Amino acid sequence: MIRHIVFFSARRKEDVEAVRTGLQALGNIPHSSLFEVTLNTKVDPLSEEIDVVVYAEFADAAALAAYKAHPLYAQTTSKVKPLRELRYSADVVTGS
Protein backbone atom coordinates (compact mmCIF):
# COMPACT_ATOMS: atom_id res chain seq x y z
CA MET A 1 0.00 0.00 0.00
CA ILE A 2 1.13 3.55 -0.71
CA ARG A 3 0.17 6.44 1.55
CA HIS A 4 0.13 9.66 -0.48
CA ILE A 5 0.36 12.75 1.74
CA VAL A 6 0.46 16.28 0.33
CA PHE A 7 0.79 19.49 2.35
CA PHE A 8 -0.35 22.86 0.98
CA SER A 9 -0.21 26.45 2.09
CA ALA A 10 -2.41 29.09 0.51
CA ARG A 11 -0.79 32.11 -1.08
CA ARG A 12 -3.31 34.31 0.78
CA LYS A 13 -5.14 33.36 3.99
CA GLU A 14 -8.49 34.17 2.38
CA ASP A 15 -7.80 31.42 -0.20
CA VAL A 16 -7.42 28.55 2.29
CA GLU A 17 -11.04 27.43 1.90
CA ALA A 18 -10.83 27.65 -1.91
CA VAL A 19 -7.72 25.45 -1.83
CA ARG A 20 -9.47 22.94 0.42
CA THR A 21 -12.66 22.75 -1.62
CA GLY A 22 -10.71 22.67 -4.88
CA LEU A 23 -8.65 19.71 -3.70
CA GLN A 24 -11.76 17.83 -2.60
CA ALA A 25 -12.57 17.29 -6.29
CA LEU A 26 -9.66 14.84 -6.39
CA GLY A 27 -11.77 12.50 -4.25
CA ASN A 28 -13.92 11.87 -7.33
CA ILE A 29 -11.01 10.15 -9.06
CA PRO A 30 -11.14 6.38 -8.73
CA HIS A 31 -8.09 4.34 -7.73
CA SER A 32 -7.70 5.36 -4.05
CA SER A 33 -9.01 3.18 -1.24
CA LEU A 34 -9.13 6.20 1.10
CA PHE A 35 -9.13 9.91 0.29
CA GLU A 36 -9.31 12.87 2.70
CA VAL A 37 -8.75 16.62 2.49
CA THR A 38 -8.49 18.36 5.84
CA LEU A 39 -7.46 21.68 7.29
CA ASN A 40 -4.31 21.67 9.39
CA THR A 41 -5.31 22.19 13.02
CA LYS A 42 -2.00 24.01 13.60
CA VAL A 43 -1.69 22.58 17.11
CA ASP A 44 2.04 22.15 16.50
CA PRO A 45 3.57 25.64 16.16
CA LEU A 46 6.28 24.23 13.87
CA SER A 47 3.68 23.38 11.20
CA GLU A 48 1.99 26.76 11.17
CA GLU A 49 2.67 27.42 7.47
CA ILE A 50 0.70 24.34 6.30
CA ASP A 51 -2.99 25.04 5.72
CA VAL A 52 -4.43 21.97 3.97
CA VAL A 53 -3.48 18.28 3.94
CA VAL A 54 -4.45 15.67 1.35
CA TYR A 55 -4.19 12.07 2.55
CA ALA A 56 -4.88 9.14 0.24
CA GLU A 57 -4.13 5.44 0.19
CA PHE A 58 -3.46 3.42 -2.96
CA ALA A 59 -3.07 -0.34 -3.39
CA ASP A 60 0.14 0.06 -5.38
CA ALA A 61 2.23 2.34 -7.59
CA ALA A 62 0.03 1.57 -10.61
CA ALA A 63 -3.07 2.84 -8.79
CA LEU A 64 -1.26 6.04 -7.75
CA ALA A 65 -0.03 6.57 -11.31
CA ALA A 66 -3.56 6.06 -12.69
CA TYR A 67 -4.88 8.60 -10.19
CA LYS A 68 -2.31 11.19 -11.29
CA ALA A 69 -3.01 10.45 -14.98
CA HIS A 70 -6.76 11.03 -14.63
CA PRO A 71 -8.00 14.19 -16.43
CA LEU A 72 -9.62 15.51 -13.23
CA TYR A 73 -6.19 15.56 -11.58
CA ALA A 74 -4.84 18.01 -14.19
CA GLN A 75 -8.03 20.11 -14.06
CA THR A 76 -7.86 20.37 -10.29
CA THR A 77 -4.16 21.18 -10.29
CA SER A 78 -4.69 24.02 -12.77
CA LYS A 79 -7.36 25.55 -10.51
CA VAL A 80 -5.54 25.14 -7.19
CA LYS A 81 -1.95 25.88 -8.24
CA PRO A 82 -2.43 29.68 -8.59
CA LEU A 83 -3.92 29.78 -5.06
CA ARG A 84 -1.13 27.91 -3.31
CA GLU A 85 2.27 28.98 -2.05
CA LEU A 86 3.83 25.70 -0.88
CA ARG A 87 3.24 22.08 -1.87
CA TYR A 88 5.12 19.23 -0.24
CA SER A 89 4.36 15.65 -1.17
CA ALA A 90 5.39 12.29 0.28
CA ASP A 91 4.56 8.79 -0.91
CA VAL A 92 5.20 6.15 1.74
CA VAL A 93 5.10 2.43 1.03
CA THR A 94 3.70 0.45 3.95
CA GLY A 95 3.23 -3.24 4.61
CA SER A 96 -0.44 -2.93 5.59
PDB file of N, CA and C in Angstrom:
ATOM      1  N   MET A   1       0.847  -1.175   0.000  1.00  0.00           N
ATOM      2  CA  MET A   1       0.000   0.000   0.000  1.00  0.00           C
ATOM      3  C   MET A   1       0.898   1.246   0.000  1.00  0.00           C
ATOM      4  N   ILE A   2       0.420   2.273  -0.678  1.00  0.00           N
ATOM      5  CA  ILE A   2       1.134   3.548  -0.706  1.00  0.00           C
ATOM      6  C   ILE A   2       0.266   4.608  -0.038  1.00  0.00           C
ATOM      7  N   ARG A   3       0.831   5.296   0.917  1.00  0.00           N
ATOM      8  CA  ARG A   3       0.174   6.441   1.548  1.00  0.00           C
ATOM      9  C   ARG A   3       0.698   7.692   0.852  1.00  0.00           C
ATOM     10  N   HIS A   4      -0.204   8.440   0.265  1.00  0.00           N
ATOM     11  CA  HIS A   4       0.125   9.659  -0.484  1.00  0.00           C
ATOM     12  C   HIS A   4      -0.313  10.836   0.386  1.00  0.00           C
ATOM     13  N   ILE A   5       0.650  11.649   0.824  1.00  0.00           N
ATOM     14  CA  ILE A   5       0.364  12.755   1.739  1.00  0.00           C
ATOM     15  C   ILE A   5       0.921  14.033   1.107  1.00  0.00           C
ATOM     16  N   VAL A   6       0.048  15.032   0.966  1.00  0.00           N
ATOM     17  CA  VAL A   6       0.460  16.284   0.335  1.00  0.00           C
ATOM     18  C   VAL A   6       0.053  17.441   1.242  1.00  0.00           C
ATOM     19  N   PHE A   7       0.999  18.329   1.486  1.00  0.00           N
ATOM     20  CA  PHE A   7       0.787  19.490   2.347  1.00  0.00           C
ATOM     21  C   PHE A   7       0.768  20.751   1.486  1.00  0.00           C
ATOM     22  N   PHE A   8      -0.196  21.631   1.738  1.00  0.00           N
ATOM     23  CA  PHE A   8      -0.353  22.860   0.976  1.00  0.00           C
ATOM     24  C   PHE A   8      -0.425  24.059   1.907  1.00  0.00           C
ATOM     25  N   SER A   9       0.081  25.178   1.434  1.00  0.00           N
ATOM     26  CA  SER A   9      -0.213  26.451   2.087  1.00  0.00           C
ATOM     27  C   SER A   9      -0.823  27.354   1.020  1.00  0.00           C
ATOM     28  N   ALA A  10      -1.770  28.152   1.436  1.00  0.00           N
ATOM     29  CA  ALA A  10      -2.409  29.093   0.513  1.00  0.00           C
ATOM     30  C   ALA A  10      -1.529  30.325   0.367  1.00  0.00           C
ATOM     31  N   ARG A  11      -1.540  30.882  -0.810  1.00  0.00           N
ATOM     32  CA  ARG A  11      -0.787  32.113  -1.080  1.00  0.00           C
ATOM     33  C   ARG A  11      -1.318  33.250  -0.204  1.00  0.00           C
ATOM     34  N   ARG A  12      -2.660  33.302  -0.066  1.00  0.00           N
ATOM     35  CA  ARG A  12      -3.310  34.312   0.782  1.00  0.00           C
ATOM     36  C   ARG A  12      -4.240  33.578   1.745  1.00  0.00           C
ATOM     37  N   LYS A  13      -4.315  34.037   2.979  1.00  0.00           N
ATOM     38  CA  LYS A  13      -5.138  33.361   3.994  1.00  0.00           C
ATOM     39  C   LYS A  13      -6.598  33.245   3.569  1.00  0.00           C
ATOM     40  N   GLU A  14      -7.082  34.228   2.812  1.00  0.00           N
ATOM     41  CA  GLU A  14      -8.487  34.175   2.382  1.00  0.00           C
ATOM     42  C   GLU A  14      -8.725  33.110   1.308  1.00  0.00           C
ATOM     43  N   ASP A  15      -7.659  32.470   0.805  1.00  0.00           N
ATOM     44  CA  ASP A  15      -7.797  31.417  -0.202  1.00  0.00           C
ATOM     45  C   ASP A  15      -7.732  30.007   0.375  1.00  0.00           C
ATOM     46  N   VAL A  16      -7.548  29.876   1.679  1.00  0.00           N
ATOM     47  CA  VAL A  16      -7.421  28.553   2.291  1.00  0.00           C
ATOM     48  C   VAL A  16      -8.640  27.688   1.977  1.00  0.00           C
ATOM     49  N   GLU A  17      -9.822  28.221   2.147  1.00  0.00           N
ATOM     50  CA  GLU A  17     -11.037  27.431   1.900  1.00  0.00           C
ATOM     51  C   GLU A  17     -11.162  27.064   0.419  1.00  0.00           C
ATOM     52  N   ALA A  18     -10.782  27.951  -0.476  1.00  0.00           N
ATOM     53  CA  ALA A  18     -10.828  27.646  -1.912  1.00  0.00           C
ATOM     54  C   ALA A  18      -9.835  26.536  -2.267  1.00  0.00           C
ATOM     55  N   VAL A  19      -8.686  26.531  -1.627  1.00  0.00           N
ATOM     56  CA  VAL A  19      -7.715  25.453  -1.830  1.00  0.00           C
ATOM     57  C   VAL A  19      -8.314  24.139  -1.340  1.00  0.00           C
ATOM     58  N   ARG A  20      -8.884  24.161  -0.142  1.00  0.00           N
ATOM     59  CA  ARG A  20      -9.467  22.935   0.422  1.00  0.00           C
ATOM     60  C   ARG A  20     -10.584  22.395  -0.463  1.00  0.00           C
ATOM     61  N   THR A  21     -11.533  23.227  -0.821  1.00  0.00           N
ATOM     62  CA  THR A  21     -12.660  22.746  -1.622  1.00  0.00           C
ATOM     63  C   THR A  21     -12.206  22.345  -3.025  1.00  0.00           C
ATOM     64  N   GLY A  22     -11.233  23.059  -3.572  1.00  0.00           N
ATOM     65  CA  GLY A  22     -10.707  22.670  -4.876  1.00  0.00           C
ATOM     66  C   GLY A  22     -10.083  21.291  -4.846  1.00  0.00           C
ATOM     67  N   LEU A  23      -9.307  21.013  -3.819  1.00  0.00           N
ATOM     68  CA  LEU A  23      -8.646  19.714  -3.700  1.00  0.00           C
ATOM     69  C   LEU A  23      -9.633  18.576  -3.435  1.00  0.00           C
ATOM     70  N   GLN A  24     -10.767  18.875  -2.858  1.00  0.00           N
ATOM     71  CA  GLN A  24     -11.759  17.828  -2.599  1.00  0.00           C
ATOM     72  C   GLN A  24     -12.232  17.168  -3.883  1.00  0.00           C
ATOM     73  N   ALA A  25     -12.168  17.874  -5.003  1.00  0.00           N
ATOM     74  CA  ALA A  25     -12.571  17.292  -6.290  1.00  0.00           C
ATOM     75  C   ALA A  25     -11.743  16.053  -6.626  1.00  0.00           C
ATOM     76  N   LEU A  26     -10.512  16.001  -6.121  1.00  0.00           N
ATOM     77  CA  LEU A  26      -9.659  14.840  -6.385  1.00  0.00           C
ATOM     78  C   LEU A  26     -10.240  13.552  -5.814  1.00  0.00           C
ATOM     79  N   GLY A  27     -11.112  13.672  -4.834  1.00  0.00           N
ATOM     80  CA  GLY A  27     -11.768  12.500  -4.252  1.00  0.00           C
ATOM     81  C   GLY A  27     -12.708  11.810  -5.220  1.00  0.00           C
ATOM     82  N   ASN A  28     -13.061  12.466  -6.310  1.00  0.00           N
ATOM     83  CA  ASN A  28     -13.924  11.867  -7.330  1.00  0.00           C
ATOM     84  C   ASN A  28     -13.151  10.997  -8.309  1.00  0.00           C
ATOM     85  N   ILE A  29     -11.837  10.998  -8.199  1.00  0.00           N
ATOM     86  CA  ILE A  29     -11.011  10.152  -9.063  1.00  0.00           C
ATOM     87  C   ILE A  29     -10.977   8.753  -8.454  1.00  0.00           C
ATOM     88  N   PRO A  30     -11.247   7.739  -9.267  1.00  0.00           N
ATOM     89  CA  PRO A  30     -11.135   6.380  -8.730  1.00  0.00           C
ATOM     90  C   PRO A  30      -9.665   6.033  -8.449  1.00  0.00           C
ATOM     91  N   HIS A  31      -9.416   4.902  -7.946  1.00  0.00           N
ATOM     92  CA  HIS A  31      -8.087   4.339  -7.726  1.00  0.00           C
ATOM     93  C   HIS A  31      -7.622   4.414  -6.279  1.00  0.00           C
ATOM     94  N   SER A  32      -8.125   5.330  -5.460  1.00  0.00           N
ATOM     95  CA  SER A  32      -7.702   5.363  -4.053  1.00  0.00           C
ATOM     96  C   SER A  32      -8.674   4.541  -3.217  1.00  0.00           C
ATOM     97  N   SER A  33      -8.147   3.925  -2.173  1.00  0.00           N
ATOM     98  CA  SER A  33      -9.013   3.184  -1.245  1.00  0.00           C
ATOM     99  C   SER A  33      -9.467   4.083  -0.101  1.00  0.00           C
ATOM    100  N   LEU A  34      -8.772   5.203   0.090  1.00  0.00           N
ATOM    101  CA  LEU A  34      -9.129   6.203   1.105  1.00  0.00           C
ATOM    102  C   LEU A  34      -8.661   7.546   0.589  1.00  0.00           C
ATOM    103  N   PHE A  35      -9.501   8.571   0.753  1.00  0.00           N
ATOM    104  CA  PHE A  35      -9.133   9.909   0.294  1.00  0.00           C
ATOM    105  C   PHE A  35      -9.720  10.927   1.256  1.00  0.00           C
ATOM    106  N   GLU A  36      -8.866  11.831   1.771  1.00  0.00           N
ATOM    107  CA  GLU A  36      -9.308  12.874   2.703  1.00  0.00           C
ATOM    108  C   GLU A  36      -8.609  14.192   2.388  1.00  0.00           C
ATOM    109  N   VAL A  37      -9.333  15.280   2.548  1.00  0.00           N
ATOM    110  CA  VAL A  37      -8.755  16.621   2.486  1.00  0.00           C
ATOM    111  C   VAL A  37      -9.165  17.311   3.772  1.00  0.00           C
ATOM    112  N   THR A  38      -8.187  17.745   4.554  1.00  0.00           N
ATOM    113  CA  THR A  38      -8.488  18.359   5.844  1.00  0.00           C
ATOM    114  C   THR A  38      -7.679  19.634   6.043  1.00  0.00           C
ATOM    115  N   LEU A  39      -8.199  20.485   6.885  1.00  0.00           N
ATOM    116  CA  LEU A  39      -7.458  21.676   7.286  1.00  0.00           C
ATOM    117  C   LEU A  39      -6.464  21.282   8.364  1.00  0.00           C
ATOM    118  N   ASN A  40      -5.300  21.878   8.344  1.00  0.00           N
ATOM    119  CA  ASN A  40      -4.311  21.668   9.393  1.00  0.00           C
ATOM    120  C   ASN A  40      -4.819  22.343  10.666  1.00  0.00           C
ATOM    121  N   THR A  41      -4.837  21.622  11.757  1.00  0.00           N
ATOM    122  CA  THR A  41      -5.306  22.189  13.023  1.00  0.00           C
ATOM    123  C   THR A  41      -4.306  23.175  13.618  1.00  0.00           C
ATOM    124  N   LYS A  42      -3.067  23.109  13.161  1.00  0.00           N
ATOM    125  CA  LYS A  42      -1.995  24.007  13.600  1.00  0.00           C
ATOM    126  C   LYS A  42      -1.772  23.968  15.113  1.00  0.00           C
ATOM    127  N   VAL A  43      -1.975  22.785  15.687  1.00  0.00           N
ATOM    128  CA  VAL A  43      -1.693  22.585  17.108  1.00  0.00           C
ATOM    129  C   VAL A  43      -0.188  22.655  17.347  1.00  0.00           C
ATOM    130  N   ASP A  44       0.581  22.115  16.411  1.00  0.00           N
ATOM    131  CA  ASP A  44       2.036  22.152  16.505  1.00  0.00           C
ATOM    132  C   ASP A  44       2.529  23.467  15.904  1.00  0.00           C
ATOM    133  N   PRO A  45       3.147  24.326  16.682  1.00  0.00           N
ATOM    134  CA  PRO A  45       3.566  25.642  16.164  1.00  0.00           C
ATOM    135  C   PRO A  45       4.615  25.539  15.054  1.00  0.00           C
ATOM    136  N   LEU A  46       5.267  24.391  14.920  1.00  0.00           N
ATOM    137  CA  LEU A  46       6.279  24.225  13.872  1.00  0.00           C
ATOM    138  C   LEU A  46       5.655  23.897  12.517  1.00  0.00           C
ATOM    139  N   SER A  47       4.340  23.686  12.473  1.00  0.00           N
ATOM    140  CA  SER A  47       3.678  23.385  11.203  1.00  0.00           C
ATOM    141  C   SER A  47       2.687  24.479  10.827  1.00  0.00           C
ATOM    142  N   GLU A  48       2.911  25.643  11.348  1.00  0.00           N
ATOM    143  CA  GLU A  48       1.992  26.762  11.171  1.00  0.00           C
ATOM    144  C   GLU A  48       1.777  27.162   9.705  1.00  0.00           C
ATOM    145  N   GLU A  49       2.798  26.972   8.857  1.00  0.00           N
ATOM    146  CA  GLU A  49       2.667  27.420   7.474  1.00  0.00           C
ATOM    147  C   GLU A  49       1.793  26.499   6.614  1.00  0.00           C
ATOM    148  N   ILE A  50       1.531  25.282   7.066  1.00  0.00           N
ATOM    149  CA  ILE A  50       0.702  24.339   6.303  1.00  0.00           C
ATOM    150  C   ILE A  50      -0.770  24.587   6.618  1.00  0.00           C
ATOM    151  N   ASP A  51      -1.568  24.758   5.555  1.00  0.00           N
ATOM    152  CA  ASP A  51      -2.992  25.040   5.721  1.00  0.00           C
ATOM    153  C   ASP A  51      -3.888  23.835   5.448  1.00  0.00           C
ATOM    154  N   VAL A  52      -3.557  23.058   4.427  1.00  0.00           N
ATOM    155  CA  VAL A  52      -4.428  21.971   3.967  1.00  0.00           C
ATOM    156  C   VAL A  52      -3.586  20.716   3.758  1.00  0.00           C
ATOM    157  N   VAL A  53      -4.163  19.559   4.111  1.00  0.00           N
ATOM    158  CA  VAL A  53      -3.478  18.285   3.942  1.00  0.00           C
ATOM    159  C   VAL A  53      -4.371  17.344   3.135  1.00  0.00           C
ATOM    160  N   VAL A  54      -3.781  16.727   2.103  1.00  0.00           N
ATOM    161  CA  VAL A  54      -4.447  15.669   1.350  1.00  0.00           C
ATOM    162  C   VAL A  54      -3.815  14.360   1.791  1.00  0.00           C
ATOM    163  N   TYR A  55      -4.662  13.393   2.155  1.00  0.00           N
ATOM    164  CA  TYR A  55      -4.186  12.073   2.550  1.00  0.00           C
ATOM    165  C   TYR A  55      -4.959  11.049   1.734  1.00  0.00           C
ATOM    166  N   ALA A  56      -4.230  10.179   1.033  1.00  0.00           N
ATOM    167  CA  ALA A  56      -4.882   9.143   0.236  1.00  0.00           C
ATOM    168  C   ALA A  56      -4.084   7.853   0.343  1.00  0.00           C
ATOM    169  N   GLU A  57      -4.786   6.746   0.183  1.00  0.00           N
ATOM    170  CA  GLU A  57      -4.134   5.442   0.188  1.00  0.00           C
ATOM    171  C   GLU A  57      -4.421   4.743  -1.133  1.00  0.00           C
ATOM    172  N   PHE A  58      -3.375   4.109  -1.689  1.00  0.00           N
ATOM    173  CA  PHE A  58      -3.462   3.417  -2.959  1.00  0.00           C
ATOM    174  C   PHE A  58      -2.918   1.999  -2.793  1.00  0.00           C
ATOM    175  N   ALA A  59      -3.504   1.058  -3.500  1.00  0.00           N
ATOM    176  CA  ALA A  59      -3.075  -0.338  -3.390  1.00  0.00           C
ATOM    177  C   ALA A  59      -1.626  -0.523  -3.822  1.00  0.00           C
ATOM    178  N   ASP A  60      -1.209   0.227  -4.848  1.00  0.00           N
ATOM    179  CA  ASP A  60       0.142   0.062  -5.378  1.00  0.00           C
ATOM    180  C   ASP A  60       0.523   1.267  -6.234  1.00  0.00           C
ATOM    181  N   ALA A  61       1.730   1.226  -6.776  1.00  0.00           N
ATOM    182  CA  ALA A  61       2.229   2.335  -7.588  1.00  0.00           C
ATOM    183  C   ALA A  61       1.393   2.533  -8.854  1.00  0.00           C
ATOM    184  N   ALA A  62       0.862   1.461  -9.404  1.00  0.00           N
ATOM    185  CA  ALA A  62       0.032   1.567 -10.614  1.00  0.00           C
ATOM    186  C   ALA A  62      -1.249   2.348 -10.320  1.00  0.00           C
ATOM    187  N   ALA A  63      -1.857   2.111  -9.168  1.00  0.00           N
ATOM    188  CA  ALA A  63      -3.075   2.839  -8.790  1.00  0.00           C
ATOM    189  C   ALA A  63      -2.778   4.323  -8.579  1.00  0.00           C
ATOM    190  N   LEU A  64      -1.654   4.637  -7.943  1.00  0.00           N
ATOM    191  CA  LEU A  64      -1.265   6.037  -7.749  1.00  0.00           C
ATOM    192  C   LEU A  64      -0.980   6.709  -9.094  1.00  0.00           C
ATOM    193  N   ALA A  65      -0.312   6.017  -9.992  1.00  0.00           N
ATOM    194  CA  ALA A  65      -0.026   6.568 -11.314  1.00  0.00           C
ATOM    195  C   ALA A  65      -1.311   6.806 -12.100  1.00  0.00           C
ATOM    196  N   ALA A  66      -2.272   5.893 -11.999  1.00  0.00           N
ATOM    197  CA  ALA A  66      -3.556   6.056 -12.690  1.00  0.00           C
ATOM    198  C   ALA A  66      -4.318   7.257 -12.135  1.00  0.00           C
ATOM    199  N   TYR A  67      -4.257   7.447 -10.833  1.00  0.00           N
ATOM    200  CA  TYR A  67      -4.876   8.602 -10.189  1.00  0.00           C
ATOM    201  C   TYR A  67      -4.289   9.900 -10.740  1.00  0.00           C
ATOM    202  N   LYS A  68      -2.976   9.973 -10.817  1.00  0.00           N
ATOM    203  CA  LYS A  68      -2.314  11.192 -11.290  1.00  0.00           C
ATOM    204  C   LYS A  68      -2.511  11.407 -12.791  1.00  0.00           C
ATOM    205  N   ALA A  69      -2.796  10.343 -13.539  1.00  0.00           N
ATOM    206  CA  ALA A  69      -3.008  10.453 -14.984  1.00  0.00           C
ATOM    207  C   ALA A  69      -4.455  10.804 -15.340  1.00  0.00           C
ATOM    208  N   HIS A  70      -5.347  10.746 -14.374  1.00  0.00           N
ATOM    209  CA  HIS A  70      -6.763  11.026 -14.626  1.00  0.00           C
ATOM    210  C   HIS A  70      -6.935  12.496 -15.020  1.00  0.00           C
ATOM    211  N   PRO A  71      -7.805  12.795 -15.995  1.00  0.00           N
ATOM    212  CA  PRO A  71      -8.000  14.188 -16.433  1.00  0.00           C
ATOM    213  C   PRO A  71      -8.424  15.144 -15.313  1.00  0.00           C
ATOM    214  N   LEU A  72      -9.188  14.654 -14.337  1.00  0.00           N
ATOM    215  CA  LEU A  72      -9.622  15.510 -13.235  1.00  0.00           C
ATOM    216  C   LEU A  72      -8.437  15.972 -12.384  1.00  0.00           C
ATOM    217  N   TYR A  73      -7.388  15.177 -12.334  1.00  0.00           N
ATOM    218  CA  TYR A  73      -6.189  15.561 -11.583  1.00  0.00           C
ATOM    219  C   TYR A  73      -5.575  16.832 -12.193  1.00  0.00           C
ATOM    220  N   ALA A  74      -5.414  16.845 -13.513  1.00  0.00           N
ATOM    221  CA  ALA A  74      -4.841  18.013 -14.192  1.00  0.00           C
ATOM    222  C   ALA A  74      -5.768  19.222 -14.079  1.00  0.00           C
ATOM    223  N   GLN A  75      -7.064  19.004 -14.188  1.00  0.00           N
ATOM    224  CA  GLN A  75      -8.026  20.108 -14.062  1.00  0.00           C
ATOM    225  C   GLN A  75      -7.947  20.737 -12.676  1.00  0.00           C
ATOM    226  N   THR A  76      -7.914  19.883 -11.666  1.00  0.00           N
ATOM    227  CA  THR A  76      -7.863  20.366 -10.285  1.00  0.00           C
ATOM    228  C   THR A  76      -6.556  21.103 -10.019  1.00  0.00           C
ATOM    229  N   THR A  77      -5.467  20.543 -10.474  1.00  0.00           N
ATOM    230  CA  THR A  77      -4.162  21.178 -10.291  1.00  0.00           C
ATOM    231  C   THR A  77      -4.142  22.573 -10.912  1.00  0.00           C
ATOM    232  N   SER A  78      -4.709  22.715 -12.104  1.00  0.00           N
ATOM    233  CA  SER A  78      -4.687  24.022 -12.765  1.00  0.00           C
ATOM    234  C   SER A  78      -5.522  25.062 -12.021  1.00  0.00           C
ATOM    235  N   LYS A  79      -6.530  24.619 -11.286  1.00  0.00           N
ATOM    236  CA  LYS A  79      -7.362  25.548 -10.512  1.00  0.00           C
ATOM    237  C   LYS A  79      -6.716  25.914  -9.172  1.00  0.00           C
ATOM    238  N   VAL A  80      -6.093  24.937  -8.537  1.00  0.00           N
ATOM    239  CA  VAL A  80      -5.538  25.143  -7.192  1.00  0.00           C
ATOM    240  C   VAL A  80      -4.142  25.766  -7.227  1.00  0.00           C
ATOM    241  N   LYS A  81      -3.345  25.428  -8.211  1.00  0.00           N
ATOM    242  CA  LYS A  81      -1.949  25.882  -8.245  1.00  0.00           C
ATOM    243  C   LYS A  81      -1.792  27.400  -8.095  1.00  0.00           C
ATOM    244  N   PRO A  82      -2.606  28.227  -8.763  1.00  0.00           N
ATOM    245  CA  PRO A  82      -2.435  29.679  -8.586  1.00  0.00           C
ATOM    246  C   PRO A  82      -2.772  30.184  -7.180  1.00  0.00           C
ATOM    247  N   LEU A  83      -3.506  29.375  -6.407  1.00  0.00           N
ATOM    248  CA  LEU A  83      -3.924  29.775  -5.059  1.00  0.00           C
ATOM    249  C   LEU A  83      -2.932  29.352  -3.979  1.00  0.00           C
ATOM    250  N   ARG A  84      -2.018  28.474  -4.326  1.00  0.00           N
ATOM    251  CA  ARG A  84      -1.127  27.914  -3.307  1.00  0.00           C
ATOM    252  C   ARG A  84       0.252  28.544  -3.339  1.00  0.00           C
ATOM    253  N   GLU A  85       0.895  28.503  -2.182  1.00  0.00           N
ATOM    254  CA  GLU A  85       2.271  28.979  -2.054  1.00  0.00           C
ATOM    255  C   GLU A  85       3.217  27.779  -2.022  1.00  0.00           C
ATOM    256  N   LEU A  86       2.984  26.884  -1.060  1.00  0.00           N
ATOM    257  CA  LEU A  86       3.831  25.705  -0.879  1.00  0.00           C
ATOM    258  C   LEU A  86       3.065  24.438  -1.217  1.00  0.00           C
ATOM    259  N   ARG A  87       3.801  23.421  -1.682  1.00  0.00           N
ATOM    260  CA  ARG A  87       3.240  22.083  -1.871  1.00  0.00           C
ATOM    261  C   ARG A  87       4.357  21.101  -1.601  1.00  0.00           C
ATOM    262  N   TYR A  88       4.163  20.293  -0.567  1.00  0.00           N
ATOM    263  CA  TYR A  88       5.118  19.231  -0.237  1.00  0.00           C
ATOM    264  C   TYR A  88       4.380  17.918  -0.329  1.00  0.00           C
ATOM    265  N   SER A  89       5.004  16.942  -0.968  1.00  0.00           N
ATOM    266  CA  SER A  89       4.364  15.650  -1.171  1.00  0.00           C
ATOM    267  C   SER A  89       5.271  14.529  -0.686  1.00  0.00           C
ATOM    268  N   ALA A  90       4.647  13.485  -0.130  1.00  0.00           N
ATOM    269  CA  ALA A  90       5.393  12.294   0.276  1.00  0.00           C
ATOM    270  C   ALA A  90       4.565  11.070  -0.066  1.00  0.00           C
ATOM    271  N   ASP A  91       5.205  10.068  -0.617  1.00  0.00           N
ATOM    272  CA  ASP A  91       4.565   8.785  -0.907  1.00  0.00           C
ATOM    273  C   ASP A  91       5.316   7.731  -0.098  1.00  0.00           C
ATOM    274  N   VAL A  92       4.593   7.092   0.799  1.00  0.00           N
ATOM    275  CA  VAL A  92       5.195   6.154   1.737  1.00  0.00           C
ATOM    276  C   VAL A  92       4.639   4.758   1.486  1.00  0.00           C
ATOM    277  N   VAL A  93       5.509   3.811   1.223  1.00  0.00           N
ATOM    278  CA  VAL A  93       5.096   2.426   1.034  1.00  0.00           C
ATOM    279  C   VAL A  93       5.026   1.755   2.401  1.00  0.00           C
ATOM    280  N   THR A  94       3.879   1.130   2.670  1.00  0.00           N
ATOM    281  CA  THR A  94       3.698   0.448   3.947  1.00  0.00           C
ATOM    282  C   THR A  94       3.379  -1.016   3.697  1.00  0.00           C
ATOM    283  N   GLY A  95       3.523  -1.817   4.728  1.00  0.00           N
ATOM    284  CA  GLY A  95       3.232  -3.243   4.611  1.00  0.00           C
ATOM    285  C   GLY A  95       1.779  -3.574   4.835  1.00  0.00           C
ATOM    286  N   SER A  96       0.962  -2.596   5.303  1.00  0.00           N
ATOM    287  CA  SER A  96      -0.439  -2.925   5.590  1.00  0.00           C
ATOM    288  C   SER A  96      -1.368  -2.434   4.530  1.00  0.00           C
TER     289      SER A  96
END
